Every structure is written in structure tokens, then in C-alpha cells.
Amino acid sequence: NVFTTMVLINVAQMEITKHLSLAVMGASECWVSVSRIQRFIQSPELATIEDEFVPEASDERAIVVKDVTCHWSSNPVLSPEGGRNTEEGAEDFTGLIVALNGVDIEFQMGQLTCIIG
């Protein structure tokens, strides 16, 4: 019976060692998560856009886009303007696929607009 008792003690010791380290790791992650949530909940509220931006009474449009042409390219090396720079400094749009052409759109204040596709 002494040998059986020693085996049970060794098995219990191995399991406690393995699970104790996991428990300490889980507790520390939980502590960090709770402190982050607490800091977020206690942070002051941010000012809304309506408080900072007041449109003119005659114009309720937030964003206006007129006659826009959008290109698509599989080549990621483009200038910030969208075309390839040539030696003369001009933009070269050859090889680009026109995705949208002549787009006019207005976004109204206080409305939710979803663009899909």
C-alpha cells in the first residue's frame, strides 16, 4: 500500500504543477483584461461630431463628390495620385481598369449611407 500511496502522491503532484502554472497564466490575463475594461468604462466621453461641426442652415450636405473616375490595378506600385509616374512627371493611366466613371454622389447630414460592392 505504500507504493500505491507514493504513486498517487506523484500523480497528484504532477497534475497540480501542470495546472497551477496554467491557473497563474489565466489569472494574470484576466487581471489585465479587467483593468483595461475598467479603464475604458471610467474614461470620459468623447465629443460628438455634431458638437464640433455645425453645417450652414441652407446646406445639409456633409460630403459632395462630382465627376469622379476610379481605377483598379493589380500593380501595387502607384503614385499617391493613382497613376504611374512617367519620366516627364505626368500621370500614366494605361493598363488601369476603370472601375467607376463619372460618379456623382452626395452624403446628407444625419443619414446613414452604405456602399456595398
N, C-alpha and C. Protein backbone atom coordinates (compact mmCIF):
# COMPACT_ATOMS: atom_id res chain seq x y z
N ASN A 1 0.81 -1.20 0.00
CA ASN A 1 0.00 0.00 0.00
C ASN A 1 0.85 1.27 0.00
N VAL A 2 2.06 1.16 0.46
CA VAL A 2 2.95 2.33 0.47
C VAL A 2 3.27 2.74 -0.96
N PHE A 3 3.51 1.77 -1.82
CA PHE A 3 3.83 2.09 -3.21
C PHE A 3 2.64 2.73 -3.92
N THR A 4 1.46 2.25 -3.68
CA THR A 4 0.25 2.84 -4.27
C THR A 4 0.07 4.27 -3.80
N THR A 5 0.31 4.51 -2.53
CA THR A 5 0.19 5.87 -1.98
C THR A 5 1.23 6.78 -2.61
N MET A 6 2.44 6.33 -2.80
CA MET A 6 3.50 7.14 -3.40
C MET A 6 3.18 7.47 -4.87
N VAL A 7 2.61 6.52 -5.60
CA VAL A 7 2.23 6.76 -7.00
C VAL A 7 1.12 7.80 -7.05
N LEU A 8 0.14 7.68 -6.17
CA LEU A 8 -0.95 8.67 -6.14
C LEU A 8 -0.43 10.07 -5.79
N ILE A 9 0.50 10.15 -4.87
CA ILE A 9 1.08 11.45 -4.49
C ILE A 9 1.86 12.04 -5.66
N ASN A 10 2.64 11.21 -6.37
CA ASN A 10 3.40 11.70 -7.52
C ASN A 10 2.48 12.17 -8.65
N VAL A 11 1.41 11.41 -8.92
CA VAL A 11 0.45 11.82 -9.95
C VAL A 11 -0.21 13.13 -9.56
N ALA A 12 -0.62 13.25 -8.33
CA ALA A 12 -1.25 14.49 -7.86
C ALA A 12 -0.28 15.66 -7.94
N GLN A 13 0.97 15.44 -7.60
CA GLN A 13 1.99 16.49 -7.65
C GLN A 13 2.21 16.95 -9.09
N MET A 14 2.26 16.02 -10.05
CA MET A 14 2.46 16.38 -11.46
C MET A 14 1.27 17.18 -11.98
N GLU A 15 0.07 16.75 -11.65
CA GLU A 15 -1.14 17.44 -12.12
C GLU A 15 -1.25 18.83 -11.53
N ILE A 16 -0.95 18.96 -10.25
CA ILE A 16 -1.01 20.27 -9.60
C ILE A 16 0.02 21.21 -10.20
N THR A 17 1.22 20.70 -10.48
CA THR A 17 2.26 21.54 -11.07
C THR A 17 1.83 22.03 -12.45
N LYS A 18 1.27 21.12 -13.25
CA LYS A 18 0.86 21.49 -14.61
C LYS A 18 -0.29 22.50 -14.59
N HIS A 19 -1.29 22.23 -13.80
CA HIS A 19 -2.47 23.09 -13.78
C HIS A 19 -2.26 24.38 -13.00
N LEU A 20 -1.36 24.39 -12.05
CA LEU A 20 -1.09 25.61 -11.29
C LEU A 20 -0.47 26.67 -12.19
N SER A 21 0.45 26.27 -13.07
CA SER A 21 1.06 27.24 -13.99
C SER A 21 0.02 27.80 -14.96
N LEU A 22 -0.89 26.94 -15.44
CA LEU A 22 -1.96 27.43 -16.31
C LEU A 22 -2.90 28.37 -15.56
N ALA A 23 -3.16 28.07 -14.30
CA ALA A 23 -4.04 28.93 -13.50
C ALA A 23 -3.42 30.29 -13.27
N VAL A 24 -2.12 30.33 -13.01
CA VAL A 24 -1.44 31.62 -12.82
C VAL A 24 -1.48 32.43 -14.11
N MET A 25 -1.23 31.78 -15.24
CA MET A 25 -1.27 32.47 -16.53
C MET A 25 -2.68 33.00 -16.82
N GLY A 26 -3.70 32.20 -16.60
CA GLY A 26 -5.07 32.64 -16.82
C GLY A 26 -5.48 33.77 -15.90
N ALA A 27 -5.05 33.71 -14.65
CA ALA A 27 -5.38 34.77 -13.70
C ALA A 27 -4.72 36.09 -14.09
N SER A 28 -3.48 36.02 -14.57
CA SER A 28 -2.80 37.26 -14.97
C SER A 28 -3.46 37.87 -16.21
N GLU A 29 -3.87 37.03 -17.18
CA GLU A 29 -4.59 37.55 -18.35
C GLU A 29 -5.93 38.15 -17.94
N CYS A 30 -6.60 37.53 -17.01
CA CYS A 30 -7.88 38.05 -16.53
C CYS A 30 -7.69 39.40 -15.84
N TRP A 31 -6.63 39.52 -15.06
CA TRP A 31 -6.33 40.78 -14.35
C TRP A 31 -6.10 41.91 -15.36
N VAL A 32 -5.33 41.63 -16.39
CA VAL A 32 -5.05 42.66 -17.41
C VAL A 32 -6.34 43.04 -18.13
N SER A 33 -7.16 42.06 -18.48
CA SER A 33 -8.42 42.34 -19.19
C SER A 33 -9.37 43.17 -18.33
N VAL A 34 -9.49 42.82 -17.08
CA VAL A 34 -10.39 43.56 -16.18
C VAL A 34 -9.89 44.99 -16.00
N SER A 35 -8.58 45.18 -15.88
CA SER A 35 -8.07 46.54 -15.71
C SER A 35 -8.28 47.38 -16.97
N ARG A 36 -8.17 46.77 -18.16
CA ARG A 36 -8.43 47.50 -19.40
C ARG A 36 -9.90 47.88 -19.51
N ILE A 37 -10.79 46.96 -19.19
CA ILE A 37 -12.22 47.25 -19.23
C ILE A 37 -12.57 48.34 -18.23
N GLN A 38 -12.00 48.27 -17.04
CA GLN A 38 -12.27 49.28 -16.02
C GLN A 38 -11.78 50.65 -16.47
N ARG A 39 -10.59 50.72 -17.09
CA ARG A 39 -10.06 51.99 -17.58
C ARG A 39 -10.95 52.54 -18.70
N PHE A 40 -11.47 51.66 -19.56
CA PHE A 40 -12.36 52.11 -20.64
C PHE A 40 -13.67 52.64 -20.10
N ILE A 41 -14.24 51.94 -19.12
CA ILE A 41 -15.52 52.37 -18.56
C ILE A 41 -15.38 53.69 -17.81
N GLN A 42 -14.27 53.91 -17.16
CA GLN A 42 -14.06 55.12 -16.39
C GLN A 42 -13.56 56.30 -17.23
N SER A 43 -13.24 56.09 -18.51
CA SER A 43 -12.74 57.18 -19.34
C SER A 43 -13.87 58.15 -19.66
N PRO A 44 -13.55 59.43 -19.85
CA PRO A 44 -14.59 60.41 -20.15
C PRO A 44 -15.12 60.20 -21.57
N GLU A 45 -16.34 60.67 -21.80
CA GLU A 45 -16.96 60.52 -23.11
C GLU A 45 -16.31 61.48 -24.10
N LEU A 46 -16.25 61.04 -25.35
CA LEU A 46 -15.70 61.87 -26.41
C LEU A 46 -16.76 62.81 -26.95
N ALA A 47 -16.32 63.94 -27.48
CA ALA A 47 -17.26 64.89 -28.07
C ALA A 47 -17.78 64.30 -29.38
N THR A 48 -19.04 64.53 -29.67
CA THR A 48 -19.62 64.02 -30.90
C THR A 48 -19.33 64.97 -32.04
N ILE A 49 -19.52 64.50 -33.25
CA ILE A 49 -19.27 65.33 -34.44
C ILE A 49 -20.23 66.50 -34.47
N GLU A 50 -21.44 66.30 -34.02
CA GLU A 50 -22.43 67.37 -34.05
C GLU A 50 -22.01 68.54 -33.17
N ASP A 51 -21.27 68.26 -32.09
CA ASP A 51 -20.82 69.34 -31.22
C ASP A 51 -19.73 70.17 -31.87
N GLU A 52 -18.90 69.53 -32.72
CA GLU A 52 -17.76 70.23 -33.30
C GLU A 52 -18.07 70.84 -34.66
N PHE A 53 -18.97 70.25 -35.43
CA PHE A 53 -19.25 70.70 -36.78
C PHE A 53 -20.71 71.08 -36.90
N VAL A 54 -20.95 72.32 -37.17
CA VAL A 54 -22.32 72.80 -37.35
C VAL A 54 -22.44 73.27 -38.80
N PRO A 55 -23.21 72.56 -39.65
CA PRO A 55 -23.32 72.98 -41.04
C PRO A 55 -24.14 74.25 -41.17
N GLU A 56 -23.96 74.89 -42.32
CA GLU A 56 -24.77 76.08 -42.59
C GLU A 56 -26.23 75.67 -42.70
N ALA A 57 -27.12 76.58 -42.34
CA ALA A 57 -28.54 76.25 -42.32
C ALA A 57 -29.07 75.91 -43.70
N SER A 58 -28.49 76.50 -44.78
CA SER A 58 -29.00 76.28 -46.12
C SER A 58 -28.46 75.00 -46.75
N ASP A 59 -27.36 74.44 -46.22
CA ASP A 59 -26.72 73.29 -46.85
C ASP A 59 -26.67 72.13 -45.86
N GLU A 60 -27.40 71.06 -46.15
CA GLU A 60 -27.43 69.89 -45.29
C GLU A 60 -26.55 68.76 -45.81
N ARG A 61 -25.70 69.05 -46.81
CA ARG A 61 -24.83 68.02 -47.37
C ARG A 61 -23.54 67.95 -46.56
N ALA A 62 -23.12 66.74 -46.22
CA ALA A 62 -21.88 66.56 -45.48
C ALA A 62 -20.70 66.38 -46.41
N ILE A 63 -20.87 65.55 -47.46
CA ILE A 63 -19.81 65.27 -48.43
C ILE A 63 -20.41 65.29 -49.82
N VAL A 64 -19.73 65.98 -50.75
CA VAL A 64 -20.18 66.03 -52.14
C VAL A 64 -19.02 65.58 -53.02
N VAL A 65 -19.29 64.60 -53.91
CA VAL A 65 -18.30 64.10 -54.85
C VAL A 65 -18.91 64.23 -56.24
N LYS A 66 -18.17 64.89 -57.18
CA LYS A 66 -18.71 65.11 -58.52
C LYS A 66 -17.70 64.66 -59.57
N ASP A 67 -18.21 63.94 -60.57
CA ASP A 67 -17.46 63.51 -61.75
C ASP A 67 -16.13 62.83 -61.37
N VAL A 68 -16.22 61.79 -60.56
CA VAL A 68 -15.04 61.06 -60.10
C VAL A 68 -14.88 59.80 -60.94
N THR A 69 -13.65 59.52 -61.35
CA THR A 69 -13.32 58.28 -62.06
C THR A 69 -12.36 57.49 -61.20
N CYS A 70 -12.71 56.25 -60.90
CA CYS A 70 -11.88 55.38 -60.07
C CYS A 70 -11.31 54.26 -60.93
N HIS A 71 -10.02 53.97 -60.71
CA HIS A 71 -9.32 52.94 -61.48
C HIS A 71 -8.97 51.78 -60.57
N TRP A 72 -8.82 50.61 -61.18
CA TRP A 72 -8.43 49.40 -60.47
C TRP A 72 -7.16 48.87 -61.12
N SER A 73 -6.20 48.46 -60.28
CA SER A 73 -4.96 47.91 -60.81
C SER A 73 -4.47 46.81 -59.89
N SER A 74 -3.88 45.78 -60.50
CA SER A 74 -3.26 44.73 -59.68
C SER A 74 -1.82 45.08 -59.36
N ASN A 75 -1.31 46.18 -59.91
CA ASN A 75 0.06 46.62 -59.65
C ASN A 75 0.07 47.53 -58.43
N PRO A 76 0.70 47.14 -57.33
CA PRO A 76 0.66 47.97 -56.13
C PRO A 76 1.61 49.16 -56.16
N VAL A 77 2.47 49.28 -57.18
CA VAL A 77 3.45 50.37 -57.22
C VAL A 77 2.87 51.52 -58.02
N LEU A 78 2.11 52.36 -57.35
CA LEU A 78 1.49 53.53 -57.97
C LEU A 78 1.84 54.76 -57.17
N SER A 79 1.71 55.91 -57.80
CA SER A 79 1.93 57.16 -57.08
C SER A 79 0.75 57.43 -56.17
N PRO A 80 0.88 58.35 -55.21
CA PRO A 80 -0.26 58.66 -54.33
C PRO A 80 -1.48 59.17 -55.08
N GLU A 81 -1.29 59.74 -56.29
CA GLU A 81 -2.42 60.25 -57.05
C GLU A 81 -3.15 59.13 -57.78
N GLY A 82 -2.55 57.95 -57.91
CA GLY A 82 -3.24 56.82 -58.52
C GLY A 82 -2.64 56.34 -59.81
N GLY A 83 -1.86 57.14 -60.52
CA GLY A 83 -1.28 56.72 -61.79
C GLY A 83 0.19 56.39 -61.63
N ARG A 84 0.77 55.92 -62.71
CA ARG A 84 2.20 55.64 -62.71
C ARG A 84 2.93 56.91 -63.14
N ASN A 85 3.99 57.25 -62.47
CA ASN A 85 4.76 58.43 -62.86
C ASN A 85 5.63 58.12 -64.07
N THR A 86 5.59 59.01 -65.05
CA THR A 86 6.44 58.86 -66.22
C THR A 86 7.68 59.72 -66.04
N GLU A 87 8.59 59.64 -67.01
CA GLU A 87 9.84 60.41 -66.91
C GLU A 87 9.58 61.91 -66.96
N GLU A 88 8.51 62.32 -67.66
CA GLU A 88 8.19 63.74 -67.75
C GLU A 88 7.45 64.24 -66.51
N GLY A 89 7.10 63.35 -65.61
CA GLY A 89 6.38 63.73 -64.40
C GLY A 89 4.88 63.66 -64.54
N ALA A 90 4.38 63.27 -65.73
CA ALA A 90 2.94 63.18 -65.94
C ALA A 90 2.42 61.84 -65.44
N GLU A 91 1.13 61.76 -65.25
CA GLU A 91 0.49 60.52 -64.80
C GLU A 91 0.16 59.66 -66.01
N ASP A 92 0.46 58.38 -65.93
CA ASP A 92 0.17 57.43 -66.99
C ASP A 92 -0.84 56.42 -66.46
N PHE A 93 -2.06 56.45 -67.01
CA PHE A 93 -3.12 55.55 -66.53
C PHE A 93 -3.33 54.37 -67.47
N THR A 94 -2.38 54.09 -68.38
CA THR A 94 -2.54 52.94 -69.27
C THR A 94 -2.40 51.65 -68.47
N GLY A 95 -3.19 50.69 -68.81
CA GLY A 95 -3.15 49.41 -68.12
C GLY A 95 -4.03 49.36 -66.88
N LEU A 96 -4.60 50.49 -66.49
CA LEU A 96 -5.51 50.51 -65.35
C LEU A 96 -6.94 50.26 -65.82
N ILE A 97 -7.69 49.54 -65.06
CA ILE A 97 -9.07 49.22 -65.39
C ILE A 97 -9.97 50.25 -64.73
N VAL A 98 -10.88 50.84 -65.51
CA VAL A 98 -11.81 51.82 -64.97
C VAL A 98 -12.88 51.06 -64.19
N ALA A 99 -12.95 51.31 -62.89
CA ALA A 99 -13.95 50.66 -62.05
C ALA A 99 -15.23 51.50 -61.97
N LEU A 100 -15.08 52.79 -61.79
CA LEU A 100 -16.21 53.71 -61.74
C LEU A 100 -15.86 54.91 -62.61
N ASN A 101 -16.84 55.41 -63.35
CA ASN A 101 -16.58 56.53 -64.24
C ASN A 101 -17.69 57.56 -64.11
N GLY A 102 -17.32 58.81 -63.86
CA GLY A 102 -18.29 59.90 -63.79
C GLY A 102 -19.26 59.77 -62.64
N VAL A 103 -18.78 59.44 -61.48
CA VAL A 103 -19.64 59.23 -60.32
C VAL A 103 -19.95 60.57 -59.64
N ASP A 104 -21.23 60.82 -59.41
CA ASP A 104 -21.70 61.98 -58.64
C ASP A 104 -22.48 61.43 -57.44
N ILE A 105 -22.09 61.84 -56.25
CA ILE A 105 -22.80 61.37 -55.05
C ILE A 105 -22.75 62.44 -53.98
N GLU A 106 -23.83 62.55 -53.22
CA GLU A 106 -23.92 63.49 -52.11
C GLU A 106 -24.34 62.72 -50.87
N PHE A 107 -23.65 62.96 -49.77
CA PHE A 107 -23.99 62.35 -48.49
C PHE A 107 -24.63 63.42 -47.62
N GLN A 108 -25.86 63.17 -47.17
CA GLN A 108 -26.60 64.13 -46.38
C GLN A 108 -26.22 64.02 -44.90
N MET A 109 -26.32 65.12 -44.20
CA MET A 109 -26.06 65.13 -42.75
C MET A 109 -27.12 64.32 -42.02
N GLY A 110 -26.71 63.53 -41.07
CA GLY A 110 -27.62 62.78 -40.23
C GLY A 110 -28.21 61.55 -40.84
N GLN A 111 -27.70 61.12 -42.01
CA GLN A 111 -28.22 59.92 -42.64
C GLN A 111 -27.11 58.88 -42.73
N LEU A 112 -27.49 57.63 -42.59
CA LEU A 112 -26.56 56.53 -42.72
C LEU A 112 -26.56 56.05 -44.16
N THR A 113 -25.38 56.00 -44.77
CA THR A 113 -25.26 55.58 -46.16
C THR A 113 -24.34 54.39 -46.22
N CYS A 114 -24.76 53.31 -46.86
CA CYS A 114 -23.95 52.10 -47.02
C CYS A 114 -23.64 51.92 -48.49
N ILE A 115 -22.37 51.69 -48.79
CA ILE A 115 -21.93 51.40 -50.16
C ILE A 115 -21.46 49.95 -50.15
N ILE A 116 -22.10 49.13 -50.96
CA ILE A 116 -21.80 47.71 -51.00
C ILE A 116 -21.29 47.34 -52.38
N GLY A 117 -20.22 46.58 -52.39
CA GLY A 117 -19.73 46.09 -53.68
C GLY A 117 -18.34 46.55 -53.98
